[in-house]
């Protein structure tokens, strides 16, 4: 992949300065929202508009948003879910580039600069993903996401494996002309926006990546625990993603379709729901996991994480929920000591 000139010294050398629309979706995250908003105003690249779409919050979010006056565009709507909030924000936006930010996360100061540079120097890119630093409720770093990401034409990976290496919503940015072709984002309340966007947009062009942590992803009680025990949610994500991929392929005139039975994630979550898989099916799931990691280019550590997780789900489903909640390291500490990882307990206080 061509190396991007991603230093602050390039700002004055950029051939153009496109308007960036940053859209923050918020629902009852008033205690985190100010940090998210301030992280946008502290950007080294300043040609942006900030839109905060509040999805019917009942906490102090409105007071926080209104305290910024006309420095941002505020939208207040009845609770309808993340997809609806982002659709409303996009409709109000004017930028050539659109960046999303969940209200409990926040940006690195050079986020927009890097994204703008990426889109300028790679006109074939329709989506950009970058790395993240994981922080706890108080903003203390406790981990990181993938170090490398898929890039280029990932349609073959989507149709063969149902996935490629990408990141969560706050690490996703889009070229407006591409994003508008896949709107509206589905508005089912139980679903986030990223499974749809990362499945549909790649059928419109190449995806790009910036192998730098340009976003801080906050782990706390709501996003660590609420979905961990909800197998119906995880199964729905896999099924909906398969549908998004195949619909996008059909619109692009591609005959091939993704078979969800080739998804190691889907099969391992199916094992959790059923209380286990027959021995040969469990082995098949692990074999698919190995093939998938090689095909999409996961690092050794990330491949190992997936292999351990899916093996536990397939062979020891009763342990699956603990693994989801705590992650690999936390799970091992939990099994050795019998105590919940400290960072998980702190996030729920």
C-alpha atoms as a PDB file:
ATOM      1  CA  UNK A   1       0.000   0.000   0.000  1.00  0.00           C
ATOM      2  CA  UNK A   2       1.284   3.456  -0.845  1.00  0.00           C
ATOM      3  CA  UNK A   3       2.516   5.366   2.175  1.00  0.00           C
ATOM      4  CA  UNK A   4       0.509   8.478   2.953  1.00  0.00           C
ATOM      5  CA  UNK A   5       2.123  11.792   3.927  1.00  0.00           C
ATOM      6  CA  UNK A   6       0.409  11.882   7.306  1.00  0.00           C
ATOM      7  CA  UNK A   7       2.260  14.479   9.349  1.00  0.00           C
ATOM      8  CA  UNK A   8       1.035  17.853  10.529  1.00  0.00           C
ATOM      9  CA  UNK A   9       3.528  19.534   8.183  1.00  0.00           C
ATOM     10  CA  UNK A  10       1.426  18.507   5.184  1.00  0.00           C
ATOM     11  CA  UNK A  11      -1.578  20.693   6.012  1.00  0.00           C
ATOM     12  CA  UNK A  12      -0.322  23.738   4.115  1.00  0.00           C
ATOM     13  CA  UNK A  13       0.668  21.499   1.198  1.00  0.00           C
ATOM     14  CA  UNK A  14      -2.710  19.875   0.618  1.00  0.00           C
ATOM     15  CA  UNK A  15      -4.002  20.722  -2.891  1.00  0.00           C
ATOM     16  CA  UNK A  16      -7.536  21.234  -1.559  1.00  0.00           C
ATOM     17  CA  UNK A  17      -9.261  21.640   1.802  1.00  0.00           C
ATOM     18  CA  UNK A  18     -12.575  19.774   1.526  1.00  0.00           C
ATOM     19  CA  UNK A  19     -15.290  20.372   4.083  1.00  0.00           C
ATOM     20  CA  UNK A  20     -15.600  17.500   6.544  1.00  0.00           C
ATOM     21  CA  UNK A  21     -18.889  16.764   8.291  1.00  0.00           C
ATOM     22  CA  UNK A  22     -18.444  15.124  11.680  1.00  0.00           C
ATOM     23  CA  UNK A  23     -21.658  13.532  12.915  1.00  0.00           C
ATOM     24  CA  UNK A  24     -21.971  12.565  16.575  1.00  0.00           C
ATOM     25  CA  UNK A  25     -24.847  10.261  17.443  1.00  0.00           C
ATOM     26  CA  UNK A  26     -25.881  10.441  21.080  1.00  0.00           C
ATOM     27  CA  UNK A  27     -28.331   8.708  23.360  1.00  0.00           C
ATOM     28  CA  UNK A  28     -28.038   9.347  27.110  1.00  0.00           C
ATOM     29  CA  UNK A  29     -24.266   9.801  27.066  1.00  0.00           C
ATOM     30  CA  UNK A  30     -24.303  13.305  28.504  1.00  0.00           C
ATOM     31  CA  UNK A  31     -21.463  12.414  30.901  1.00  0.00           C
ATOM     32  CA  UNK A  32     -19.187  11.509  27.962  1.00  0.00           C
ATOM     33  CA  UNK A  33     -20.544  13.867  25.309  1.00  0.00           C
ATOM     34  CA  UNK A  34     -18.478  16.954  26.140  1.00  0.00           C
ATOM     35  CA  UNK A  35     -15.211  15.077  25.666  1.00  0.00           C
ATOM     36  CA  UNK A  36     -16.400  13.809  22.281  1.00  0.00           C
ATOM     37  CA  UNK A  37     -17.411  17.303  21.136  1.00  0.00           C
ATOM     38  CA  UNK A  38     -14.226  18.926  22.425  1.00  0.00           C
ATOM     39  CA  UNK A  39     -12.094  16.341  20.622  1.00  0.00           C
ATOM     40  CA  UNK A  40     -13.561  17.557  17.337  1.00  0.00           C
ATOM     41  CA  UNK A  41     -12.920  21.216  18.077  1.00  0.00           C
ATOM     42  CA  UNK A  42      -9.279  20.383  18.944  1.00  0.00           C
ATOM     43  CA  UNK A  43      -8.557  18.967  15.475  1.00  0.00           C
ATOM     44  CA  UNK A  44      -5.483  20.155  13.586  1.00  0.00           C
ATOM     45  CA  UNK A  45      -7.642  20.255  10.445  1.00  0.00           C
ATOM     46  CA  UNK A  46     -10.260  22.925  10.979  1.00  0.00           C
ATOM     47  CA  UNK A  47     -12.427  22.974   7.851  1.00  0.00           C
ATOM     48  CA  UNK A  48     -15.265  20.974   9.349  1.00  0.00           C
ATOM     49  CA  UNK A  49     -18.833  21.226  10.514  1.00  0.00           C
ATOM     50  CA  UNK A  50     -19.984  19.388  13.615  1.00  0.00           C
ATOM     51  CA  UNK A  51     -23.464  17.930  13.804  1.00  0.00           C
ATOM     52  CA  UNK A  52     -24.734  16.358  17.015  1.00  0.00           C
ATOM     53  CA  UNK A  53     -27.806  14.192  16.504  1.00  0.00           C
ATOM     54  CA  UNK A  54     -29.434  13.467  19.846  1.00  0.00           C
ATOM     55  CA  UNK A  55     -31.701  10.444  19.683  1.00  0.00           C
ATOM     56  CA  UNK A  56     -34.242  11.316  22.370  1.00  0.00           C
ATOM     57  CA  UNK A  57     -31.920  11.440  25.399  1.00  0.00           C
ATOM     58  CA  UNK A  58     -33.494  11.770  28.838  1.00  0.00           C
ATOM     59  CA  UNK A  59     -30.321  12.759  30.723  1.00  0.00           C
ATOM     60  CA  UNK A  60     -28.442  16.089  30.600  1.00  0.00           C
ATOM     61  CA  UNK A  61     -27.366  15.683  26.975  1.00  0.00           C
ATOM     62  CA  UNK A  62     -29.500  18.574  25.720  1.00  0.00           C
ATOM     63  CA  UNK A  63     -27.888  20.999  28.186  1.00  0.00           C
ATOM     64  CA  UNK A  64     -24.419  19.866  27.140  1.00  0.00           C
ATOM     65  CA  UNK A  65     -25.189  20.265  23.441  1.00  0.00           C
ATOM     66  CA  UNK A  66     -26.874  23.657  23.821  1.00  0.00           C
ATOM     67  CA  UNK A  67     -23.932  24.988  25.849  1.00  0.00           C
ATOM     68  CA  UNK A  68     -21.918  25.123  22.596  1.00  0.00           C
ATOM     69  CA  UNK A  69     -24.370  27.505  20.965  1.00  0.00           C
ATOM     70  CA  UNK A  70     -23.910  27.943  17.216  1.00  0.00           C
ATOM     71  CA  UNK A  71     -20.469  26.306  17.195  1.00  0.00           C
ATOM     72  CA  UNK A  72     -22.254  23.129  16.203  1.00  0.00           C
ATOM     73  CA  UNK A  73     -25.459  22.040  14.501  1.00  0.00           C
ATOM     74  CA  UNK A  74     -27.798  20.390  16.977  1.00  0.00           C
ATOM     75  CA  UNK A  75     -30.562  17.943  16.142  1.00  0.00           C
ATOM     76  CA  UNK A  76     -33.041  16.664  18.716  1.00  0.00           C
ATOM     77  CA  UNK A  77     -35.348  13.852  17.683  1.00  0.00           C
ATOM     78  CA  UNK A  78     -37.491  11.190  19.296  1.00  0.00           C
ATOM     79  CA  UNK A  79     -35.687   7.971  20.119  1.00  0.00           C
ATOM     80  CA  UNK A  80     -35.474   5.903  16.927  1.00  0.00           C
ATOM     81  CA  UNK A  81     -32.043   4.250  17.087  1.00  0.00           C
ATOM     82  CA  UNK A  82     -28.536   4.886  15.839  1.00  0.00           C
ATOM     83  CA  UNK A  83     -29.339   4.444  12.160  1.00  0.00           C
ATOM     84  CA  UNK A  84     -32.118   7.027  12.289  1.00  0.00           C
ATOM     85  CA  UNK A  85     -29.892   9.525  14.129  1.00  0.00           C
ATOM     86  CA  UNK A  86     -27.116   9.170  11.559  1.00  0.00           C
ATOM     87  CA  UNK A  87     -29.551   9.425   8.652  1.00  0.00           C
ATOM     88  CA  UNK A  88     -30.841  12.700  10.058  1.00  0.00           C
ATOM     89  CA  UNK A  89     -27.317  13.983  10.610  1.00  0.00           C
ATOM     90  CA  UNK A  90     -26.205  13.066   7.095  1.00  0.00           C
ATOM     91  CA  UNK A  91     -29.255  14.800   5.622  1.00  0.00           C
ATOM     92  CA  UNK A  92     -28.250  18.038   7.398  1.00  0.00           C
ATOM     93  CA  UNK A  93     -24.581  17.765   6.460  1.00  0.00           C
ATOM     94  CA  UNK A  94     -22.772  19.443   3.564  1.00  0.00           C
ATOM     95  CA  UNK A  95     -19.271  17.975   3.685  1.00  0.00           C
ATOM     96  CA  UNK A  96     -17.513  16.098   0.895  1.00  0.00           C
ATOM     97  CA  UNK A  97     -16.175  13.768   3.588  1.00  0.00           C
ATOM     98  CA  UNK A  98     -18.273  12.375   6.426  1.00  0.00           C
ATOM     99  CA  UNK A  99     -16.848  11.069   9.699  1.00  0.00           C
ATOM    100  CA  UNK A 100     -18.874   9.401  12.432  1.00  0.00           C
ATOM    101  CA  UNK A 101     -18.274   9.598  16.169  1.00  0.00           C
ATOM    102  CA  UNK A 102     -20.198   7.783  18.884  1.00  0.00           C
ATOM    103  CA  UNK A 103     -20.818  10.062  21.840  1.00  0.00           C
ATOM    104  CA  UNK A 104     -18.906   7.848  24.283  1.00  0.00           C
ATOM    105  CA  UNK A 105     -15.749   7.868  22.113  1.00  0.00           C
ATOM    106  CA  UNK A 106     -13.425  10.707  21.119  1.00  0.00           C
ATOM    107  CA  UNK A 107     -10.950  11.603  18.365  1.00  0.00           C
ATOM    108  CA  UNK A 108      -7.181  11.948  18.303  1.00  0.00           C
ATOM    109  CA  UNK A 109      -6.334  15.589  17.401  1.00  0.00           C
ATOM    110  CA  UNK A 110      -4.926  14.557  13.999  1.00  0.00           C
ATOM    111  CA  UNK A 111      -7.868  12.350  13.006  1.00  0.00           C
ATOM    112  CA  UNK A 112      -9.423  14.665  10.405  1.00  0.00           C
ATOM    113  CA  UNK A 113      -6.071  15.685   8.977  1.00  0.00           C
ATOM    114  CA  UNK A 114      -5.154  12.059   8.330  1.00  0.00           C
ATOM    115  CA  UNK A 115      -8.547  11.202   6.851  1.00  0.00           C
ATOM    116  CA  UNK A 116      -8.588  14.211   4.513  1.00  0.00           C
ATOM    117  CA  UNK A 117      -5.051  13.439   3.351  1.00  0.00           C
ATOM    118  CA  UNK A 118      -6.028   9.835   2.714  1.00  0.00           C
ATOM    119  CA  UNK A 119      -9.012  10.717   0.549  1.00  0.00           C
ATOM    120  CA  UNK A 120      -7.099  13.399  -1.391  1.00  0.00           C
ATOM    121  CA  UNK A 121      -4.176  11.158  -2.277  1.00  0.00           C
ATOM    122  CA  UNK A 122      -6.350   8.097  -2.967  1.00  0.00           C
ATOM    123  CA  UNK A 123      -9.325   9.191  -5.103  1.00  0.00           C
ATOM    124  CA  UNK A 124     -10.353   5.534  -5.539  1.00  0.00           C
ATOM    125  CA  UNK A 125     -11.062   5.142  -1.825  1.00  0.00           C
ATOM    126  CA  UNK A 126     -14.710   5.354  -0.772  1.00  0.00           C
ATOM    127  CA  UNK A 127     -14.177   4.340   2.880  1.00  0.00           C
ATOM    128  CA  UNK A 128     -11.325   4.837   5.330  1.00  0.00           C
ATOM    129  CA  UNK A 129     -10.783   2.891   8.532  1.00  0.00           C
ATOM    130  CA  UNK A 130      -8.083   3.464  11.138  1.00  0.00           C
ATOM    131  CA  UNK A 131      -6.921   2.085  14.463  1.00  0.00           C
ATOM    132  CA  UNK A 132      -8.121   2.791  17.965  1.00  0.00           C
ATOM    133  CA  UNK A 133      -6.934   2.975  21.535  1.00  0.00           C
ATOM    134  CA  UNK A 134      -9.282   1.307  24.010  1.00  0.00           C
ATOM    135  CA  UNK A 135      -9.862   3.292  27.213  1.00  0.00           C
ATOM    136  CA  UNK A 136     -11.937   2.619  30.308  1.00  0.00           C
ATOM    137  CA  UNK A 137     -14.718   4.780  31.678  1.00  0.00           C
ATOM    138  CA  UNK A 138     -12.205   7.291  33.047  1.00  0.00           C
ATOM    139  CA  UNK A 139     -10.264   7.512  29.786  1.00  0.00           C
ATOM    140  CA  UNK A 140      -7.299   5.408  30.938  1.00  0.00           C
ATOM    141  CA  UNK A 141      -5.844   3.286  28.090  1.00  0.00           C
ATOM    142  CA  UNK A 142      -6.429  -0.443  28.609  1.00  0.00           C
ATOM    143  CA  UNK A 143      -5.805  -1.891  25.149  1.00  0.00           C
ATOM    144  CA  UNK A 144      -5.909  -1.399  21.398  1.00  0.00           C
ATOM    145  CA  UNK A 145      -7.650  -2.732  18.329  1.00  0.00           C
ATOM    146  CA  UNK A 146      -6.175  -4.355  15.200  1.00  0.00           C
ATOM    147  CA  UNK A 147      -2.848  -2.947  14.023  1.00  0.00           C
ATOM    148  CA  UNK A 148      -3.502  -3.586  10.331  1.00  0.00           C
ATOM    149  CA  UNK A 149      -6.640  -3.464   8.196  1.00  0.00           C
ATOM    150  CA  UNK A 150      -7.926  -4.769   4.902  1.00  0.00           C
ATOM    151  CA  UNK A 151      -7.629  -2.349   1.999  1.00  0.00           C
ATOM    152  CA  UNK A 152      -8.272  -2.199  -1.714  1.00  0.00           C
ATOM    153  CA  UNK A 153     -11.064  -4.235  -3.346  1.00  0.00           C
ATOM    154  CA  UNK A 154     -12.514  -6.342  -0.519  1.00  0.00           C
ATOM    155  CA  UNK A 155     -15.589  -7.606  -2.361  1.00  0.00           C
ATOM    156  CA  UNK A 156     -14.080 -11.052  -2.829  1.00  0.00           C
ATOM    157  CA  UNK A 157     -13.448 -11.312   0.924  1.00  0.00           C
ATOM    158  CA  UNK A 158     -17.017 -10.281   1.705  1.00  0.00           C
ATOM    159  CA  UNK A 159     -18.506 -12.791  -0.714  1.00  0.00           C
ATOM    160  CA  UNK A 160     -16.229 -15.624   0.417  1.00  0.00           C
ATOM    161  CA  UNK A 161     -15.919 -14.997   4.172  1.00  0.00           C
ATOM    162  CA  UNK A 162     -18.529 -12.381   5.018  1.00  0.00           C
ATOM    163  CA  UNK A 163     -15.963 -10.011   6.458  1.00  0.00           C
ATOM    164  CA  UNK A 164     -12.652  -8.217   6.233  1.00  0.00           C
ATOM    165  CA  UNK A 165     -10.654  -6.311   8.850  1.00  0.00           C
ATOM    166  CA  UNK A 166     -12.345  -3.028   9.749  1.00  0.00           C
ATOM    167  CA  UNK A 167     -13.190  -1.050  12.867  1.00  0.00           C
ATOM    168  CA  UNK A 168     -16.155   0.321  14.779  1.00  0.00           C
ATOM    169  CA  UNK A 169     -18.254   3.339  13.758  1.00  0.00           C
ATOM    170  CA  UNK A 170     -16.039   6.046  15.278  1.00  0.00           C
ATOM    171  CA  UNK A 171     -13.122   4.833  13.129  1.00  0.00           C
ATOM    172  CA  UNK A 172     -15.076   4.983   9.845  1.00  0.00           C
ATOM    173  CA  UNK A 173     -15.061   7.835   7.328  1.00  0.00           C
ATOM    174  CA  UNK A 174     -16.732   8.061   3.921  1.00  0.00           C
ATOM    175  CA  UNK A 175     -16.617   9.938   0.669  1.00  0.00           C
ATOM    176  CA  UNK A 176     -20.015  11.573   0.456  1.00  0.00           C
ATOM    177  CA  UNK A 177     -20.744  10.618  -3.147  1.00  0.00           C
ATOM    178  CA  UNK A 178     -20.385   6.949  -2.228  1.00  0.00           C
ATOM    179  CA  UNK A 179     -22.228   7.124   1.071  1.00  0.00           C
ATOM    180  CA  UNK A 180     -25.282   8.710  -0.513  1.00  0.00           C
ATOM    181  CA  UNK A 181     -25.659   5.679  -2.809  1.00  0.00           C
ATOM    182  CA  UNK A 182     -26.279   3.305   0.106  1.00  0.00           C
ATOM    183  CA  UNK A 183     -28.619   5.510   2.140  1.00  0.00           C
ATOM    184  CA  UNK A 184     -30.691   5.241   4.171  1.00  0.00           C
ATOM    185  CA  UNK A 185     -28.871   3.340   6.879  1.00  0.00           C
ATOM    186  CA  UNK A 186     -31.235   0.669   8.265  1.00  0.00           C
ATOM    187  CA  UNK A 187     -33.064   1.955  11.320  1.00  0.00           C
ATOM    188  CA  UNK A 188     -33.601  -1.226  13.298  1.00  0.00           C
ATOM    189  CA  UNK A 189     -32.890  -0.161  16.896  1.00  0.00           C
ATOM    190  CA  UNK A 190     -31.050  -3.338  17.791  1.00  0.00           C
ATOM    191  CA  UNK A 191     -28.445  -2.814  15.064  1.00  0.00           C
ATOM    192  CA  UNK A 192     -25.534  -0.425  14.825  1.00  0.00           C
ATOM    193  CA  UNK A 193     -24.646   1.349  11.593  1.00  0.00           C
ATOM    194  CA  UNK A 194     -21.226  -0.190  11.003  1.00  0.00           C
ATOM    195  CA  UNK A 195     -22.299  -3.714   9.909  1.00  0.00           C
ATOM    196  CA  UNK A 196     -24.360  -2.175   7.124  1.00  0.00           C
ATOM    197  CA  UNK A 197     -21.907   0.495   5.990  1.00  0.00           C
ATOM    198  CA  UNK A 198     -18.861  -1.776   5.943  1.00  0.00           C
ATOM    199  CA  UNK A 199     -20.797  -4.387   3.948  1.00  0.00           C
ATOM    200  CA  UNK A 200     -22.489  -2.115   1.403  1.00  0.00           C
ATOM    201  CA  UNK A 201     -20.009   0.678   0.635  1.00  0.00           C
ATOM    202  CA  UNK A 202     -17.090  -1.570  -0.511  1.00  0.00           C
ATOM    203  CA  UNK A 203     -19.147  -2.613  -3.548  1.00  0.00           C
ATOM    204  CA  UNK A 204     -18.829   0.997  -4.757  1.00  0.00           C
ATOM    205  CA  UNK A 205     -15.029   1.251  -4.719  1.00  0.00           C
ATOM    206  CA  UNK A 206     -11.860   0.490  -2.812  1.00  0.00           C
ATOM    207  CA  UNK A 207     -11.538   0.798   0.942  1.00  0.00           C
ATOM    208  CA  UNK A 208      -8.535   2.493   2.471  1.00  0.00           C
ATOM    209  CA  UNK A 209      -6.848   2.225   5.827  1.00  0.00           C
ATOM    210  CA  UNK A 210      -4.609   4.294   8.065  1.00  0.00           C
ATOM    211  CA  UNK A 211      -2.587   2.107  10.391  1.00  0.00           C
ATOM    212  CA  UNK A 212      -2.599   4.632  13.201  1.00  0.00           C
ATOM    213  CA  UNK A 213      -4.797   4.839  16.342  1.00  0.00           C
ATOM    214  CA  UNK A 214      -6.785   7.989  15.598  1.00  0.00           C
ATOM    215  CA  UNK A 215      -9.741   7.324  17.905  1.00  0.00           C
ATOM    216  CA  UNK A 216     -10.287   6.452  21.543  1.00  0.00           C
ATOM    217  CA  UNK A 217     -12.899   3.755  22.050  1.00  0.00           C
ATOM    218  CA  UNK A 218     -14.393   3.803  25.528  1.00  0.00           C
ATOM    219  CA  UNK A 219     -15.304   0.530  27.208  1.00  0.00           C
ATOM    220  CA  UNK A 220     -17.871   0.900  29.977  1.00  0.00           C
ATOM    221  CA  UNK A 221     -20.837  -0.897  31.442  1.00  0.00           C
ATOM    222  CA  UNK A 222     -23.290  -0.221  28.621  1.00  0.00           C
ATOM    223  CA  UNK A 223     -21.171  -1.421  25.721  1.00  0.00           C
ATOM    224  CA  UNK A 224     -19.270  -4.171  27.560  1.00  0.00           C
ATOM    225  CA  UNK A 225     -22.111  -6.030  29.210  1.00  0.00           C
ATOM    226  CA  UNK A 226     -25.475  -5.238  27.673  1.00  0.00           C
ATOM    227  CA  UNK A 227     -24.903  -7.261  24.503  1.00  0.00           C
ATOM    228  CA  UNK A 228     -22.585  -9.905  25.908  1.00  0.00           C
ATOM    229  CA  UNK A 229     -25.420 -12.078  27.166  1.00  0.00           C
ATOM    230  CA  UNK A 230     -27.682 -11.503  24.163  1.00  0.00           C
ATOM    231  CA  UNK A 231     -27.091 -14.329  21.713  1.00  0.00           C
ATOM    232  CA  UNK A 232     -30.074 -13.252  19.645  1.00  0.00           C
ATOM    233  CA  UNK A 233     -28.292  -9.942  19.020  1.00  0.00           C
ATOM    234  CA  UNK A 234     -25.060 -11.557  17.831  1.00  0.00           C
ATOM    235  CA  UNK A 235     -26.898 -13.988  15.576  1.00  0.00           C
ATOM    236  CA  UNK A 236     -28.937 -11.142  14.134  1.00  0.00           C
ATOM    237  CA  UNK A 237     -25.786  -9.148  13.359  1.00  0.00           C
ATOM    238  CA  UNK A 238     -24.374 -12.066  11.369  1.00  0.00           C
ATOM    239  CA  UNK A 239     -27.624 -12.705   9.518  1.00  0.00           C
ATOM    240  CA  UNK A 240     -28.200  -9.047   8.718  1.00  0.00           C
ATOM    241  CA  UNK A 241     -24.610  -8.605   7.539  1.00  0.00           C
ATOM    242  CA  UNK A 242     -25.013 -11.545   5.152  1.00  0.00           C
ATOM    243  CA  UNK A 243     -28.167  -9.910   3.807  1.00  0.00           C
ATOM    244  CA  UNK A 244     -26.403  -6.550   3.362  1.00  0.00           C
ATOM    245  CA  UNK A 245     -23.523  -8.182   1.476  1.00  0.00           C
ATOM    246  CA  UNK A 246     -25.787 -10.073  -0.895  1.00  0.00           C
ATOM    247  CA  UNK A 247     -28.052  -7.090  -1.555  1.00  0.00           C
ATOM    248  CA  UNK A 248     -25.018  -4.932  -2.360  1.00  0.00           C
ATOM    249  CA  UNK A 249     -23.603  -7.632  -4.636  1.00  0.00           C
ATOM    250  CA  UNK A 250     -26.914  -7.848  -6.512  1.00  0.00           C
ATOM    251  CA  UNK A 251     -27.011  -4.075  -7.012  1.00  0.00           C
ATOM    252  CA  UNK A 252     -23.437  -4.202  -8.318  1.00  0.00           C
ATOM    253  CA  UNK A 253     -24.398  -6.853 -10.864  1.00  0.00           C
ATOM    254  CA  UNK A 254     -22.346  -9.592  -9.193  1.00  0.00           C
ATOM    255  CA  UNK A 255     -23.849 -13.077  -9.343  1.00  0.00           C
ATOM    256  CA  UNK A 256     -21.972 -14.654  -6.439  1.00  0.00           C
ATOM    257  CA  UNK A 257     -23.601 -14.658  -2.986  1.00  0.00           C
ATOM    258  CA  UNK A 258     -22.184 -15.098   0.498  1.00  0.00           C
ATOM    259  CA  UNK A 259     -23.186 -18.336   2.239  1.00  0.00           C
ATOM    260  CA  UNK A 260     -23.539 -17.658   5.957  1.00  0.00           C
ATOM    261  CA  UNK A 261     -22.631 -21.278   6.695  1.00  0.00           C
ATOM    262  CA  UNK A 262     -19.067 -20.304   5.751  1.00  0.00           C
ATOM    263  CA  UNK A 263     -18.984 -17.786   8.599  1.00  0.00           C
ATOM    264  CA  UNK A 264     -16.967 -19.095  11.536  1.00  0.00           C
ATOM    265  CA  UNK A 265     -18.479 -16.363  13.684  1.00  0.00           C
ATOM    266  CA  UNK A 266     -22.006 -17.436  12.835  1.00  0.00           C
ATOM    267  CA  UNK A 267     -21.290 -21.116  13.461  1.00  0.00           C
ATOM    268  CA  UNK A 268     -19.587 -20.434  16.786  1.00  0.00           C
ATOM    269  CA  UNK A 269     -22.462 -18.253  18.001  1.00  0.00           C
ATOM    270  CA  UNK A 270     -24.851 -20.952  16.825  1.00  0.00           C
ATOM    271  CA  UNK A 271     -22.927 -23.340  19.069  1.00  0.00           C
ATOM    272  CA  UNK A 272     -23.470 -21.013  22.040  1.00  0.00           C
ATOM    273  CA  UNK A 273     -27.174 -20.831  21.362  1.00  0.00           C
ATOM    274  CA  UNK A 274     -27.547 -24.610  20.944  1.00  0.00           C
ATOM    275  CA  UNK A 275     -25.255 -25.526  23.805  1.00  0.00           C
ATOM    276  CA  UNK A 276     -22.609 -27.011  21.521  1.00  0.00           C
ATOM    277  CA  UNK A 277     -22.024 -28.468  18.054  1.00  0.00           C
ATOM    278  CA  UNK A 278     -21.487 -32.053  16.906  1.00  0.00           C
ATOM    279  CA  UNK A 279     -17.782 -32.903  17.009  1.00  0.00           C
ATOM    280  CA  UNK A 280     -17.226 -32.757  13.244  1.00  0.00           C
ATOM    281  CA  UNK A 281     -19.104 -29.461  12.908  1.00  0.00           C
ATOM    282  CA  UNK A 282     -17.010 -27.974  15.714  1.00  0.00           C
ATOM    283  CA  UNK A 283     -13.814 -29.054  13.963  1.00  0.00           C
ATOM    284  CA  UNK A 284     -15.142 -27.620  10.696  1.00  0.00           C
ATOM    285  CA  UNK A 285     -15.744 -24.276  12.439  1.00  0.00           C
ATOM    286  CA  UNK A 286     -12.145 -24.158  13.656  1.00  0.00           C
ATOM    287  CA  UNK A 287     -10.857 -25.057  10.178  1.00  0.00           C
ATOM    288  CA  UNK A 288     -12.941 -22.249   8.671  1.00  0.00           C
ATOM    289  CA  UNK A 289     -11.524 -19.865  11.267  1.00  0.00           C
ATOM    290  CA  UNK A 290      -7.951 -20.697  10.264  1.00  0.00           C
ATOM    291  CA  UNK A 291      -8.722 -20.320   6.563  1.00  0.00           C
ATOM    292  CA  UNK A 292     -10.542 -17.041   7.139  1.00  0.00           C
ATOM    293  CA  UNK A 293      -7.699 -15.487   9.151  1.00  0.00           C
ATOM    294  CA  UNK A 294      -5.195 -16.345   6.445  1.00  0.00           C
ATOM    295  CA  UNK A 295      -7.442 -15.050   3.661  1.00  0.00           C
ATOM    296  CA  UNK A 296      -8.209 -11.672   5.221  1.00  0.00           C
ATOM    297  CA  UNK A 297      -4.700 -11.149   6.596  1.00  0.00           C
ATOM    298  CA  UNK A 298      -5.175 -11.127  10.344  1.00  0.00           C
ATOM    299  CA  UNK A 299      -2.051 -10.784  12.463  1.00  0.00           C
ATOM    300  CA  UNK A 300      -0.853 -13.796  14.440  1.00  0.00           C
ATOM    301  CA  UNK A 301      -2.189 -12.368  17.701  1.00  0.00           C
ATOM    302  CA  UNK A 302      -5.585 -11.489  16.233  1.00  0.00           C
ATOM    303  CA  UNK A 303      -5.809 -14.911  14.557  1.00  0.00           C
ATOM    304  CA  UNK A 304      -5.002 -16.564  17.887  1.00  0.00           C
ATOM    305  CA  UNK A 305      -7.693 -14.534  19.642  1.00  0.00           C
ATOM    306  CA  UNK A 306     -10.291 -15.630  17.091  1.00  0.00           C
ATOM    307  CA  UNK A 307      -9.164 -19.241  17.220  1.00  0.00           C
ATOM    308  CA  UNK A 308      -9.350 -19.410  21.015  1.00  0.00           C
ATOM    309  CA  UNK A 309     -12.739 -17.669  21.124  1.00  0.00           C
ATOM    310  CA  UNK A 310     -14.302 -19.862  18.476  1.00  0.00           C
ATOM    311  CA  UNK A 311     -12.815 -23.027  19.987  1.00  0.00           C
ATOM    312  CA  UNK A 312     -14.349 -22.181  23.348  1.00  0.00           C
ATOM    313  CA  UNK A 313     -17.696 -21.426  21.719  1.00  0.00           C
ATOM    314  CA  UNK A 314     -17.629 -24.642  19.695  1.00  0.00           C
ATOM    315  CA  UNK A 315     -16.300 -27.079  22.291  1.00  0.00           C
ATOM    316  CA  UNK A 316     -17.069 -25.428  25.657  1.00  0.00           C
ATOM    317  CA  UNK A 317     -20.168 -23.287  25.064  1.00  0.00           C
ATOM    318  CA  UNK A 318     -20.868 -22.922  28.801  1.00  0.00           C
ATOM    319  CA  UNK A 319     -17.702 -20.828  29.025  1.00  0.00           C
ATOM    320  CA  UNK A 320     -18.629 -18.634  26.077  1.00  0.00           C
ATOM    321  CA  UNK A 321     -20.397 -15.849  27.911  1.00  0.00           C
ATOM    322  CA  UNK A 322     -17.476 -15.283  30.270  1.00  0.00           C
ATOM    323  CA  UNK A 323     -15.104 -15.101  27.323  1.00  0.00           C
ATOM    324  CA  UNK A 324     -17.280 -12.525  25.557  1.00  0.00           C
ATOM    325  CA  UNK A 325     -17.473 -10.353  28.661  1.00  0.00           C
ATOM    326  CA  UNK A 326     -13.811 -10.415  29.633  1.00  0.00           C
ATOM    327  CA  UNK A 327     -11.837 -11.045  26.452  1.00  0.00           C
ATOM    328  CA  UNK A 328      -8.918 -13.435  26.233  1.00  0.00           C
ATOM    329  CA  UNK A 329      -6.669 -11.979  28.927  1.00  0.00           C
ATOM    330  CA  UNK A 330      -9.509 -11.126  31.283  1.00  0.00           C
ATOM    331  CA  UNK A 331     -11.002 -14.579  30.833  1.00  0.00           C
ATOM    332  CA  UNK A 332      -7.711 -16.281  31.677  1.00  0.00           C
ATOM    333  CA  UNK A 333      -7.308 -14.112  34.799  1.00  0.00           C
ATOM    334  CA  UNK A 334     -10.897 -14.871  35.750  1.00  0.00           C
ATOM    335  CA  UNK A 335     -10.351 -18.631  35.408  1.00  0.00           C
ATOM    336  CA  UNK A 336      -7.084 -18.516  37.350  1.00  0.00           C
ATOM    337  CA  UNK A 337      -8.248 -16.263  40.197  1.00  0.00           C
ATOM    338  CA  UNK A 338     -12.038 -16.624  40.186  1.00  0.00           C
ATOM    339  CA  UNK A 339     -12.337 -12.822  40.267  1.00  0.00           C
ATOM    340  CA  UNK A 340     -13.770 -10.483  37.657  1.00  0.00           C
ATOM    341  CA  UNK A 341     -11.117  -8.370  35.878  1.00  0.00           C
ATOM    342  CA  UNK A 342     -10.749  -5.057  37.684  1.00  0.00           C
ATOM    343  CA  UNK A 343     -11.316  -2.938  34.567  1.00  0.00           C
ATOM    344  CA  UNK A 344     -14.663  -4.671  33.977  1.00  0.00           C
ATOM    345  CA  UNK A 345     -15.811  -3.983  37.531  1.00  0.00           C
ATOM    346  CA  UNK A 346     -14.709  -0.370  37.331  1.00  0.00           C
ATOM    347  CA  UNK A 347     -16.688   0.124  34.143  1.00  0.00           C
ATOM    348  CA  UNK A 348     -19.888  -0.843  35.906  1.00  0.00           C
ATOM    349  CA  UNK A 349     -19.483   1.419  38.930  1.00  0.00           C
END
